[in-house]
Amino acid sequence: MIDPATMANRPAPGRDCGSCTLCCKVYDNPDVDSVAGAWCQHCLPGRSCKIYPTRPQQCRDFFCLWMTQSFLGPEWKPDKARFVLTMDPATKWLFAQVDPGAPQAWRKEPYLGQMRRWAAAGQRPVIVFVNKLATAILPDREVALGVIGPNERLVLREELAGGRPRPTVAKVTVEA
């Protein structure tokens, strides 16, 4: 399990992005007018960034979990897995931002099985995004969440199923 207490915002020993540029495709970055699902205008896919020395602070500060967590093997490197893993520091939920060119990549093994084990061990879902569409991975199932709007938040709840409580994820609207 990924231990939030040991997370650092710096690369683990021996880790570097190398030819991986997937974060430049799967995230919104208003500083460079980039939208999730399309390559950043400054990215040279699979090679580098044209403005690397002067890239925005958001880009300088970002490290995916593969970069910071040395226990994740080479199969978890985003250019191989076809998704970028991160952890929300407030909720400790894991997020997988998937390359829309491979929208089912997260369903392959070893990925889906491990995400279910992480969800069970941490008692928190793993949230998978393909562009703006979200799916929650729980230990025993996936829950389609749709698009999460700017005034919506995800919450972990319990529902009754067959007379027994089981966790689920719901969207709730928050006041602006």
N, C-alpha and C. Protein backbone atom coordinates (compact mmCIF):
# COMPACT_ATOMS: atom_id res chain seq x y z
N MET A 1 0.85 -1.19 0.00
CA MET A 1 0.00 0.00 0.00
C MET A 1 0.89 1.24 0.00
N ILE A 2 0.43 2.25 -0.64
CA ILE A 2 1.14 3.51 -0.67
C ILE A 2 0.91 4.22 0.65
N ASP A 3 1.98 4.53 1.32
CA ASP A 3 1.90 5.17 2.63
C ASP A 3 2.03 6.68 2.46
N PRO A 4 0.94 7.44 2.68
CA PRO A 4 1.01 8.88 2.50
C PRO A 4 2.06 9.54 3.38
N ALA A 5 2.37 8.94 4.52
CA ALA A 5 3.35 9.52 5.43
C ALA A 5 4.75 9.52 4.83
N THR A 6 5.01 8.60 3.91
CA THR A 6 6.35 8.52 3.32
C THR A 6 6.44 9.21 1.96
N MET A 7 5.35 9.82 1.55
CA MET A 7 5.36 10.46 0.23
C MET A 7 6.20 11.72 0.24
N ALA A 8 6.95 11.88 -0.80
CA ALA A 8 7.77 13.08 -0.97
C ALA A 8 7.51 13.61 -2.37
N ASN A 9 7.65 14.89 -2.52
CA ASN A 9 7.45 15.49 -3.84
C ASN A 9 8.80 15.65 -4.53
N ARG A 10 9.48 14.52 -4.63
CA ARG A 10 10.76 14.48 -5.35
C ARG A 10 10.93 13.06 -5.87
N PRO A 11 11.71 12.92 -6.91
CA PRO A 11 11.88 11.57 -7.47
C PRO A 11 12.57 10.61 -6.50
N ALA A 12 12.15 9.37 -6.56
CA ALA A 12 12.83 8.31 -5.81
C ALA A 12 14.20 8.09 -6.45
N PRO A 13 15.14 7.56 -5.71
CA PRO A 13 16.47 7.31 -6.29
C PRO A 13 16.38 6.49 -7.58
N GLY A 14 17.07 6.95 -8.59
CA GLY A 14 17.13 6.26 -9.86
C GLY A 14 15.94 6.49 -10.79
N ARG A 15 15.00 7.33 -10.38
CA ARG A 15 13.82 7.57 -11.21
C ARG A 15 13.95 8.90 -11.95
N ASP A 16 13.57 8.87 -13.21
CA ASP A 16 13.41 10.11 -13.98
C ASP A 16 12.35 9.86 -15.04
N CYS A 17 11.84 10.92 -15.60
CA CYS A 17 10.77 10.81 -16.60
C CYS A 17 11.26 10.11 -17.86
N GLY A 18 12.51 10.34 -18.22
CA GLY A 18 13.02 9.76 -19.46
C GLY A 18 12.17 10.20 -20.63
N SER A 19 11.68 9.24 -21.39
CA SER A 19 10.87 9.57 -22.56
C SER A 19 9.38 9.71 -22.24
N CYS A 20 8.99 9.57 -20.99
CA CYS A 20 7.58 9.66 -20.62
C CYS A 20 7.14 11.12 -20.58
N THR A 21 6.07 11.41 -21.29
CA THR A 21 5.49 12.76 -21.31
C THR A 21 3.98 12.70 -21.11
N LEU A 22 3.45 11.58 -20.61
CA LEU A 22 2.00 11.39 -20.55
C LEU A 22 1.30 12.45 -19.71
N CYS A 23 1.93 12.96 -18.67
CA CYS A 23 1.29 14.00 -17.85
C CYS A 23 0.98 15.24 -18.70
N CYS A 24 1.72 15.43 -19.78
CA CYS A 24 1.51 16.57 -20.68
C CYS A 24 0.27 16.38 -21.55
N LYS A 25 -0.35 15.21 -21.46
CA LYS A 25 -1.56 14.93 -22.25
C LYS A 25 -2.81 14.76 -21.40
N VAL A 26 -2.67 14.25 -20.20
CA VAL A 26 -3.87 13.84 -19.45
C VAL A 26 -4.38 14.85 -18.44
N TYR A 27 -3.68 15.96 -18.25
CA TYR A 27 -4.12 16.95 -17.27
C TYR A 27 -4.42 18.29 -17.92
N ASP A 28 -5.37 19.01 -17.32
CA ASP A 28 -5.57 20.40 -17.66
C ASP A 28 -4.40 21.20 -17.09
N ASN A 29 -3.94 22.18 -17.84
CA ASN A 29 -2.92 23.09 -17.33
C ASN A 29 -3.19 24.47 -17.93
N PRO A 30 -3.97 25.29 -17.22
CA PRO A 30 -4.33 26.59 -17.75
C PRO A 30 -3.13 27.51 -18.00
N ASP A 31 -2.02 27.26 -17.31
CA ASP A 31 -0.83 28.10 -17.51
C ASP A 31 -0.29 28.02 -18.93
N VAL A 32 -0.59 26.92 -19.62
CA VAL A 32 -0.11 26.74 -20.99
C VAL A 32 -1.27 26.44 -21.94
N ASP A 33 -2.50 26.77 -21.52
CA ASP A 33 -3.71 26.55 -22.33
C ASP A 33 -3.83 25.10 -22.79
N SER A 34 -3.54 24.18 -21.90
CA SER A 34 -3.59 22.75 -22.21
C SER A 34 -4.83 22.15 -21.55
N VAL A 35 -5.54 21.29 -22.29
CA VAL A 35 -6.71 20.62 -21.74
C VAL A 35 -6.48 19.11 -21.73
N ALA A 36 -7.04 18.47 -20.73
CA ALA A 36 -6.90 17.02 -20.60
C ALA A 36 -7.39 16.33 -21.86
N GLY A 37 -6.60 15.38 -22.33
CA GLY A 37 -6.96 14.60 -23.50
C GLY A 37 -6.24 15.02 -24.76
N ALA A 38 -5.55 16.15 -24.72
CA ALA A 38 -4.80 16.63 -25.89
C ALA A 38 -3.39 16.98 -25.43
N TRP A 39 -2.42 16.73 -26.28
CA TRP A 39 -1.04 17.05 -25.93
C TRP A 39 -0.88 18.54 -25.72
N CYS A 40 -0.13 18.91 -24.71
CA CYS A 40 0.25 20.31 -24.48
C CYS A 40 0.97 20.80 -25.74
N GLN A 41 0.71 22.03 -26.11
CA GLN A 41 1.34 22.61 -27.30
C GLN A 41 2.86 22.65 -27.21
N HIS A 42 3.40 22.56 -26.01
CA HIS A 42 4.85 22.63 -25.82
C HIS A 42 5.51 21.26 -25.72
N CYS A 43 4.69 20.20 -25.73
CA CYS A 43 5.22 18.85 -25.57
C CYS A 43 5.69 18.28 -26.90
N LEU A 44 6.82 17.61 -26.83
CA LEU A 44 7.29 16.78 -27.93
C LEU A 44 7.04 15.35 -27.44
N PRO A 45 5.87 14.77 -27.77
CA PRO A 45 5.47 13.47 -27.19
C PRO A 45 6.57 12.42 -27.28
N GLY A 46 6.81 11.78 -26.13
CA GLY A 46 7.81 10.73 -26.04
C GLY A 46 9.24 11.24 -26.02
N ARG A 47 9.41 12.56 -25.98
CA ARG A 47 10.77 13.12 -25.99
C ARG A 47 11.00 14.13 -24.88
N SER A 48 10.32 15.28 -24.94
CA SER A 48 10.61 16.32 -23.95
C SER A 48 9.63 17.48 -24.07
N CYS A 49 9.99 18.55 -23.41
CA CYS A 49 9.20 19.78 -23.40
C CYS A 49 10.00 20.88 -24.10
N LYS A 50 9.36 21.58 -25.01
CA LYS A 50 10.05 22.64 -25.75
C LYS A 50 10.40 23.83 -24.85
N ILE A 51 9.67 23.99 -23.73
CA ILE A 51 9.93 25.13 -22.84
C ILE A 51 10.42 24.66 -21.47
N TYR A 52 11.06 23.52 -21.42
CA TYR A 52 11.46 22.92 -20.15
C TYR A 52 12.16 23.90 -19.20
N PRO A 53 13.16 24.68 -19.64
CA PRO A 53 13.82 25.59 -18.70
C PRO A 53 12.91 26.67 -18.13
N THR A 54 11.84 27.01 -18.84
CA THR A 54 10.94 28.07 -18.38
C THR A 54 9.52 27.56 -18.16
N ARG A 55 9.35 26.25 -18.01
CA ARG A 55 8.02 25.66 -17.84
C ARG A 55 7.33 26.23 -16.60
N PRO A 56 6.00 26.23 -16.60
CA PRO A 56 5.25 26.78 -15.46
C PRO A 56 5.53 26.03 -14.15
N GLN A 57 5.27 26.70 -13.05
CA GLN A 57 5.50 26.11 -11.73
C GLN A 57 4.71 24.83 -11.54
N GLN A 58 3.48 24.78 -12.06
CA GLN A 58 2.66 23.57 -11.94
C GLN A 58 3.40 22.37 -12.53
N CYS A 59 4.09 22.57 -13.63
CA CYS A 59 4.85 21.48 -14.25
C CYS A 59 6.10 21.16 -13.43
N ARG A 60 6.76 22.17 -12.90
CA ARG A 60 7.96 21.96 -12.09
C ARG A 60 7.65 21.16 -10.82
N ASP A 61 6.49 21.40 -10.24
CA ASP A 61 6.13 20.79 -8.97
C ASP A 61 5.55 19.38 -9.09
N PHE A 62 5.18 18.97 -10.31
CA PHE A 62 4.46 17.70 -10.47
C PHE A 62 5.40 16.51 -10.57
N PHE A 63 5.09 15.49 -9.76
CA PHE A 63 5.73 14.18 -9.87
C PHE A 63 4.63 13.14 -9.68
N CYS A 64 4.52 12.23 -10.63
CA CYS A 64 3.55 11.16 -10.49
C CYS A 64 4.04 10.16 -9.44
N LEU A 65 3.17 9.25 -9.04
CA LEU A 65 3.57 8.28 -8.03
C LEU A 65 4.67 7.35 -8.52
N TRP A 66 4.69 7.04 -9.82
CA TRP A 66 5.77 6.19 -10.30
C TRP A 66 7.12 6.86 -10.05
N MET A 67 7.17 8.16 -10.18
CA MET A 67 8.42 8.88 -9.96
C MET A 67 8.83 8.89 -8.48
N THR A 68 7.86 8.96 -7.57
CA THR A 68 8.19 9.13 -6.16
C THR A 68 8.18 7.84 -5.34
N GLN A 69 7.56 6.79 -5.87
CA GLN A 69 7.41 5.55 -5.10
C GLN A 69 8.20 4.42 -5.76
N SER A 70 9.34 4.11 -5.20
CA SER A 70 10.24 3.14 -5.84
C SER A 70 9.69 1.71 -5.87
N PHE A 71 8.69 1.39 -5.04
CA PHE A 71 8.14 0.04 -5.07
C PHE A 71 7.30 -0.22 -6.32
N LEU A 72 6.87 0.84 -7.02
CA LEU A 72 6.11 0.65 -8.25
C LEU A 72 7.07 0.22 -9.35
N GLY A 73 6.84 -0.94 -9.92
CA GLY A 73 7.73 -1.49 -10.93
C GLY A 73 7.63 -0.76 -12.26
N PRO A 74 8.45 -1.17 -13.22
CA PRO A 74 8.49 -0.50 -14.52
C PRO A 74 7.16 -0.56 -15.27
N GLU A 75 6.34 -1.56 -14.97
CA GLU A 75 5.05 -1.65 -15.64
C GLU A 75 4.10 -0.52 -15.24
N TRP A 76 4.40 0.19 -14.13
CA TRP A 76 3.57 1.29 -13.65
C TRP A 76 4.03 2.65 -14.20
N LYS A 77 5.15 2.68 -14.92
CA LYS A 77 5.58 3.96 -15.50
C LYS A 77 4.49 4.40 -16.49
N PRO A 78 4.05 5.64 -16.41
CA PRO A 78 2.90 6.07 -17.20
C PRO A 78 2.97 5.78 -18.70
N ASP A 79 4.12 5.92 -19.32
CA ASP A 79 4.16 5.65 -20.76
C ASP A 79 3.96 4.17 -21.07
N LYS A 80 4.16 3.30 -20.10
CA LYS A 80 3.90 1.86 -20.27
C LYS A 80 2.47 1.52 -19.84
N ALA A 81 2.06 2.00 -18.65
CA ALA A 81 0.72 1.71 -18.11
C ALA A 81 -0.38 2.42 -18.89
N ARG A 82 -0.05 3.56 -19.45
CA ARG A 82 -0.97 4.42 -20.20
C ARG A 82 -1.91 5.19 -19.28
N PHE A 83 -1.48 5.39 -18.04
CA PHE A 83 -2.18 6.27 -17.11
C PHE A 83 -1.17 6.79 -16.10
N VAL A 84 -1.53 7.92 -15.48
CA VAL A 84 -0.67 8.58 -14.50
C VAL A 84 -1.34 8.44 -13.14
N LEU A 85 -0.61 7.89 -12.17
CA LEU A 85 -1.11 7.74 -10.80
C LEU A 85 -0.67 8.91 -9.94
N THR A 86 -1.62 9.42 -9.14
CA THR A 86 -1.31 10.45 -8.15
C THR A 86 -2.12 10.14 -6.89
N MET A 87 -1.79 10.83 -5.81
CA MET A 87 -2.56 10.70 -4.58
C MET A 87 -2.97 12.09 -4.11
N ASP A 88 -4.24 12.25 -3.76
CA ASP A 88 -4.71 13.52 -3.23
C ASP A 88 -4.19 13.65 -1.80
N PRO A 89 -3.44 14.72 -1.50
CA PRO A 89 -2.86 14.83 -0.15
C PRO A 89 -3.90 15.01 0.95
N ALA A 90 -5.07 15.55 0.62
CA ALA A 90 -6.09 15.78 1.65
C ALA A 90 -6.88 14.51 1.95
N THR A 91 -7.36 13.83 0.92
CA THR A 91 -8.22 12.65 1.14
C THR A 91 -7.45 11.34 1.17
N LYS A 92 -6.22 11.35 0.64
CA LYS A 92 -5.39 10.14 0.50
C LYS A 92 -5.99 9.17 -0.52
N TRP A 93 -6.87 9.66 -1.38
CA TRP A 93 -7.42 8.83 -2.45
C TRP A 93 -6.42 8.78 -3.58
N LEU A 94 -6.34 7.63 -4.23
CA LEU A 94 -5.50 7.48 -5.42
C LEU A 94 -6.31 7.85 -6.65
N PHE A 95 -5.64 8.48 -7.60
CA PHE A 95 -6.26 8.86 -8.86
C PHE A 95 -5.42 8.30 -10.00
N ALA A 96 -6.10 7.80 -11.02
CA ALA A 96 -5.44 7.34 -12.24
C ALA A 96 -6.02 8.17 -13.38
N GLN A 97 -5.19 8.96 -14.01
CA GLN A 97 -5.61 9.80 -15.15
C GLN A 97 -5.16 9.05 -16.40
N VAL A 98 -6.13 8.54 -17.16
CA VAL A 98 -5.87 7.61 -18.25
C VAL A 98 -5.70 8.34 -19.59
N ASP A 99 -4.77 7.83 -20.38
CA ASP A 99 -4.58 8.31 -21.74
C ASP A 99 -5.85 8.00 -22.53
N PRO A 100 -6.53 9.01 -23.07
CA PRO A 100 -7.76 8.73 -23.82
C PRO A 100 -7.50 7.90 -25.08
N GLY A 101 -6.26 7.80 -25.51
CA GLY A 101 -5.92 6.93 -26.63
C GLY A 101 -5.90 5.46 -26.24
N ALA A 102 -5.98 5.16 -24.95
CA ALA A 102 -6.01 3.79 -24.43
C ALA A 102 -6.98 3.76 -23.24
N PRO A 103 -8.26 4.06 -23.46
CA PRO A 103 -9.19 4.25 -22.35
C PRO A 103 -9.44 3.03 -21.47
N GLN A 104 -9.10 1.84 -21.94
CA GLN A 104 -9.30 0.62 -21.15
C GLN A 104 -8.02 0.13 -20.48
N ALA A 105 -6.93 0.87 -20.61
CA ALA A 105 -5.63 0.43 -20.09
C ALA A 105 -5.69 0.07 -18.60
N TRP A 106 -6.43 0.81 -17.83
CA TRP A 106 -6.50 0.57 -16.39
C TRP A 106 -7.20 -0.74 -16.04
N ARG A 107 -7.97 -1.28 -16.98
CA ARG A 107 -8.70 -2.52 -16.73
C ARG A 107 -7.83 -3.77 -16.91
N LYS A 108 -6.65 -3.59 -17.48
CA LYS A 108 -5.75 -4.72 -17.71
C LYS A 108 -5.03 -5.08 -16.42
N GLU A 109 -4.52 -6.30 -16.38
CA GLU A 109 -3.70 -6.72 -15.24
C GLU A 109 -2.25 -6.41 -15.54
N PRO A 110 -1.51 -6.03 -14.54
CA PRO A 110 -1.77 -6.16 -13.11
C PRO A 110 -2.52 -4.97 -12.50
N TYR A 111 -2.94 -4.03 -13.34
CA TYR A 111 -3.44 -2.75 -12.83
C TYR A 111 -4.75 -2.85 -12.05
N LEU A 112 -5.80 -3.38 -12.67
CA LEU A 112 -7.10 -3.40 -12.00
C LEU A 112 -7.05 -4.21 -10.70
N GLY A 113 -6.42 -5.36 -10.73
CA GLY A 113 -6.33 -6.16 -9.51
C GLY A 113 -5.61 -5.43 -8.39
N GLN A 114 -4.52 -4.76 -8.74
CA GLN A 114 -3.77 -4.02 -7.72
C GLN A 114 -4.57 -2.82 -7.22
N MET A 115 -5.27 -2.13 -8.10
CA MET A 115 -6.09 -0.99 -7.65
C MET A 115 -7.19 -1.45 -6.71
N ARG A 116 -7.76 -2.62 -6.97
CA ARG A 116 -8.77 -3.15 -6.05
C ARG A 116 -8.15 -3.50 -4.70
N ARG A 117 -6.95 -4.05 -4.72
CA ARG A 117 -6.26 -4.36 -3.45
C ARG A 117 -5.93 -3.08 -2.69
N TRP A 118 -5.50 -2.03 -3.40
CA TRP A 118 -5.24 -0.75 -2.73
C TRP A 118 -6.52 -0.18 -2.13
N ALA A 119 -7.63 -0.28 -2.87
CA ALA A 119 -8.91 0.21 -2.36
C ALA A 119 -9.31 -0.53 -1.09
N ALA A 120 -9.09 -1.84 -1.06
CA ALA A 120 -9.44 -2.63 0.12
C ALA A 120 -8.50 -2.31 1.28
N ALA A 121 -7.21 -2.25 1.02
CA ALA A 121 -6.24 -2.03 2.09
C ALA A 121 -6.36 -0.64 2.71
N GLY A 122 -6.62 0.36 1.89
CA GLY A 122 -6.70 1.73 2.39
C GLY A 122 -8.10 2.16 2.74
N GLN A 123 -9.07 1.29 2.48
CA GLN A 123 -10.48 1.58 2.71
C GLN A 123 -10.88 2.89 2.03
N ARG A 124 -10.29 3.11 0.85
CA ARG A 124 -10.60 4.27 0.04
C ARG A 124 -10.65 3.82 -1.41
N PRO A 125 -11.52 4.44 -2.21
CA PRO A 125 -11.57 4.05 -3.61
C PRO A 125 -10.35 4.57 -4.37
N VAL A 126 -10.12 3.99 -5.53
CA VAL A 126 -9.20 4.54 -6.51
C VAL A 126 -10.10 5.16 -7.57
N ILE A 127 -9.86 6.41 -7.90
CA ILE A 127 -10.70 7.10 -8.88
C ILE A 127 -9.95 7.17 -10.20
N VAL A 128 -10.60 6.64 -11.24
CA VAL A 128 -10.01 6.60 -12.58
C VAL A 128 -10.72 7.65 -13.44
N PHE A 129 -9.92 8.47 -14.11
CA PHE A 129 -10.48 9.46 -15.03
C PHE A 129 -10.01 9.15 -16.44
N VAL A 130 -10.95 9.16 -17.37
CA VAL A 130 -10.64 9.17 -18.79
C VAL A 130 -11.20 10.51 -19.27
N ASN A 131 -10.31 11.45 -19.53
CA ASN A 131 -10.68 12.85 -19.71
C ASN A 131 -11.45 13.28 -18.47
N LYS A 132 -12.70 13.65 -18.60
CA LYS A 132 -13.46 14.13 -17.43
C LYS A 132 -14.39 13.08 -16.83
N LEU A 133 -14.49 11.89 -17.47
CA LEU A 133 -15.36 10.84 -16.96
C LEU A 133 -14.67 10.06 -15.85
N ALA A 134 -15.34 9.95 -14.72
CA ALA A 134 -14.75 9.30 -13.55
C ALA A 134 -15.43 7.97 -13.25
N THR A 135 -14.61 7.03 -12.78
CA THR A 135 -15.07 5.73 -12.30
C THR A 135 -14.36 5.45 -10.98
N ALA A 136 -15.11 5.01 -9.99
CA ALA A 136 -14.52 4.64 -8.71
C ALA A 136 -14.27 3.14 -8.69
N ILE A 137 -13.06 2.76 -8.34
CA ILE A 137 -12.73 1.34 -8.16
C ILE A 137 -12.81 1.04 -6.67
N LEU A 138 -13.68 0.11 -6.34
CA LEU A 138 -13.83 -0.37 -4.99
C LEU A 138 -13.31 -1.81 -4.95
N PRO A 139 -13.14 -2.39 -3.80
CA PRO A 139 -12.57 -3.74 -3.75
C PRO A 139 -13.31 -4.77 -4.59
N ASP A 140 -14.63 -4.62 -4.71
CA ASP A 140 -15.44 -5.64 -5.37
C ASP A 140 -16.13 -5.19 -6.66
N ARG A 141 -15.97 -3.93 -7.04
CA ARG A 141 -16.70 -3.45 -8.21
C ARG A 141 -16.22 -2.07 -8.63
N GLU A 142 -16.73 -1.64 -9.80
CA GLU A 142 -16.50 -0.27 -10.25
C GLU A 142 -17.83 0.47 -10.22
N VAL A 143 -17.76 1.76 -9.92
CA VAL A 143 -18.95 2.61 -9.89
C VAL A 143 -18.72 3.76 -10.86
N ALA A 144 -19.53 3.82 -11.92
CA ALA A 144 -19.42 4.92 -12.89
C ALA A 144 -19.95 6.19 -12.23
N LEU A 145 -19.14 7.24 -12.23
CA LEU A 145 -19.51 8.49 -11.58
C LEU A 145 -19.85 9.59 -12.57
N GLY A 146 -19.47 9.42 -13.82
CA GLY A 146 -19.71 10.46 -14.81
C GLY A 146 -18.74 11.62 -14.65
N VAL A 147 -19.14 12.76 -15.15
CA VAL A 147 -18.31 13.96 -15.06
C VAL A 147 -18.50 14.57 -13.67
N ILE A 148 -17.39 14.94 -13.05
CA ILE A 148 -17.43 15.61 -11.75
C ILE A 148 -17.40 17.11 -12.02
N GLY A 149 -18.50 17.78 -11.72
CA GLY A 149 -18.60 19.22 -11.98
C GLY A 149 -17.79 20.05 -11.00
N PRO A 150 -17.59 21.32 -11.32
CA PRO A 150 -16.76 22.18 -10.46
C PRO A 150 -17.34 22.38 -9.06
N ASN A 151 -18.66 22.21 -8.89
CA ASN A 151 -19.27 22.35 -7.57
C ASN A 151 -19.63 21.01 -6.96
N GLU A 152 -19.00 19.93 -7.47
CA GLU A 152 -19.28 18.61 -6.93
C GLU A 152 -18.02 18.04 -6.28
N ARG A 153 -18.23 17.24 -5.26
CA ARG A 153 -17.15 16.55 -4.58
C ARG A 153 -17.53 15.08 -4.47
N LEU A 154 -16.53 14.24 -4.34
CA LEU A 154 -16.75 12.82 -4.15
C LEU A 154 -16.70 12.51 -2.66
N VAL A 155 -17.61 11.67 -2.23
CA VAL A 155 -17.63 11.26 -0.83
C VAL A 155 -17.77 9.74 -0.77
N LEU A 156 -17.18 9.16 0.24
CA LEU A 156 -17.29 7.73 0.49
C LEU A 156 -18.45 7.52 1.44
N ARG A 157 -19.38 6.65 1.05
CA ARG A 157 -20.56 6.38 1.86
C ARG A 157 -20.75 4.88 1.97
N GLU A 158 -21.65 4.50 2.84
CA GLU A 158 -22.05 3.10 2.92
C GLU A 158 -23.47 2.97 2.41
N GLU A 159 -23.71 1.91 1.65
CA GLU A 159 -25.07 1.62 1.18
C GLU A 159 -25.41 0.21 1.67
N LEU A 160 -26.69 -0.06 1.77
CA LEU A 160 -27.12 -1.40 2.15
C LEU A 160 -27.28 -2.23 0.89
N ALA A 161 -26.64 -3.36 0.86
CA ALA A 161 -26.74 -4.29 -0.27
C ALA A 161 -26.98 -5.68 0.31
N GLY A 162 -28.15 -6.23 0.06
CA GLY A 162 -28.46 -7.55 0.63
C GLY A 162 -28.50 -7.52 2.14
N GLY A 163 -28.89 -6.38 2.71
CA GLY A 163 -28.97 -6.24 4.15
C GLY A 163 -27.64 -5.98 4.84
N ARG A 164 -26.55 -5.84 4.03
CA ARG A 164 -25.23 -5.60 4.61
C ARG A 164 -24.68 -4.27 4.09
N PRO A 165 -24.00 -3.54 4.96
CA PRO A 165 -23.39 -2.29 4.48
C PRO A 165 -22.16 -2.56 3.62
N ARG A 166 -22.01 -1.79 2.55
CA ARG A 166 -20.79 -1.87 1.74
C ARG A 166 -20.48 -0.46 1.26
N PRO A 167 -19.20 -0.16 1.08
CA PRO A 167 -18.82 1.19 0.69
C PRO A 167 -19.21 1.50 -0.75
N THR A 168 -19.51 2.74 -0.99
CA THR A 168 -19.73 3.24 -2.34
C THR A 168 -19.27 4.69 -2.39
N VAL A 169 -19.18 5.21 -3.59
CA VAL A 169 -18.75 6.58 -3.78
C VAL A 169 -19.90 7.35 -4.42
N ALA A 170 -20.15 8.55 -3.93
CA ALA A 170 -21.22 9.38 -4.48
C ALA A 170 -20.71 10.78 -4.74
N LYS A 171 -21.38 11.46 -5.66
CA LYS A 171 -21.10 12.87 -5.92
C LYS A 171 -22.05 13.70 -5.09
N VAL A 172 -21.54 14.75 -4.49
CA VAL A 172 -22.40 15.68 -3.76
C VAL A 172 -22.08 17.09 -4.26
N THR A 173 -23.10 17.91 -4.30
CA THR A 173 -22.93 19.30 -4.71
C THR A 173 -22.60 20.12 -3.47
N VAL A 174 -21.62 20.99 -3.61
CA VAL A 174 -21.23 21.87 -2.50
C VAL A 174 -21.55 23.30 -2.89
N GLU A 175 -21.87 24.09 -1.89
CA GLU A 175 -22.16 25.50 -2.12
C GLU A 175 -20.88 26.24 -2.53
N ALA A 176 -21.01 27.11 -3.48
CA ALA A 176 -19.85 27.87 -3.96
C ALA A 176 -19.48 28.97 -3.00
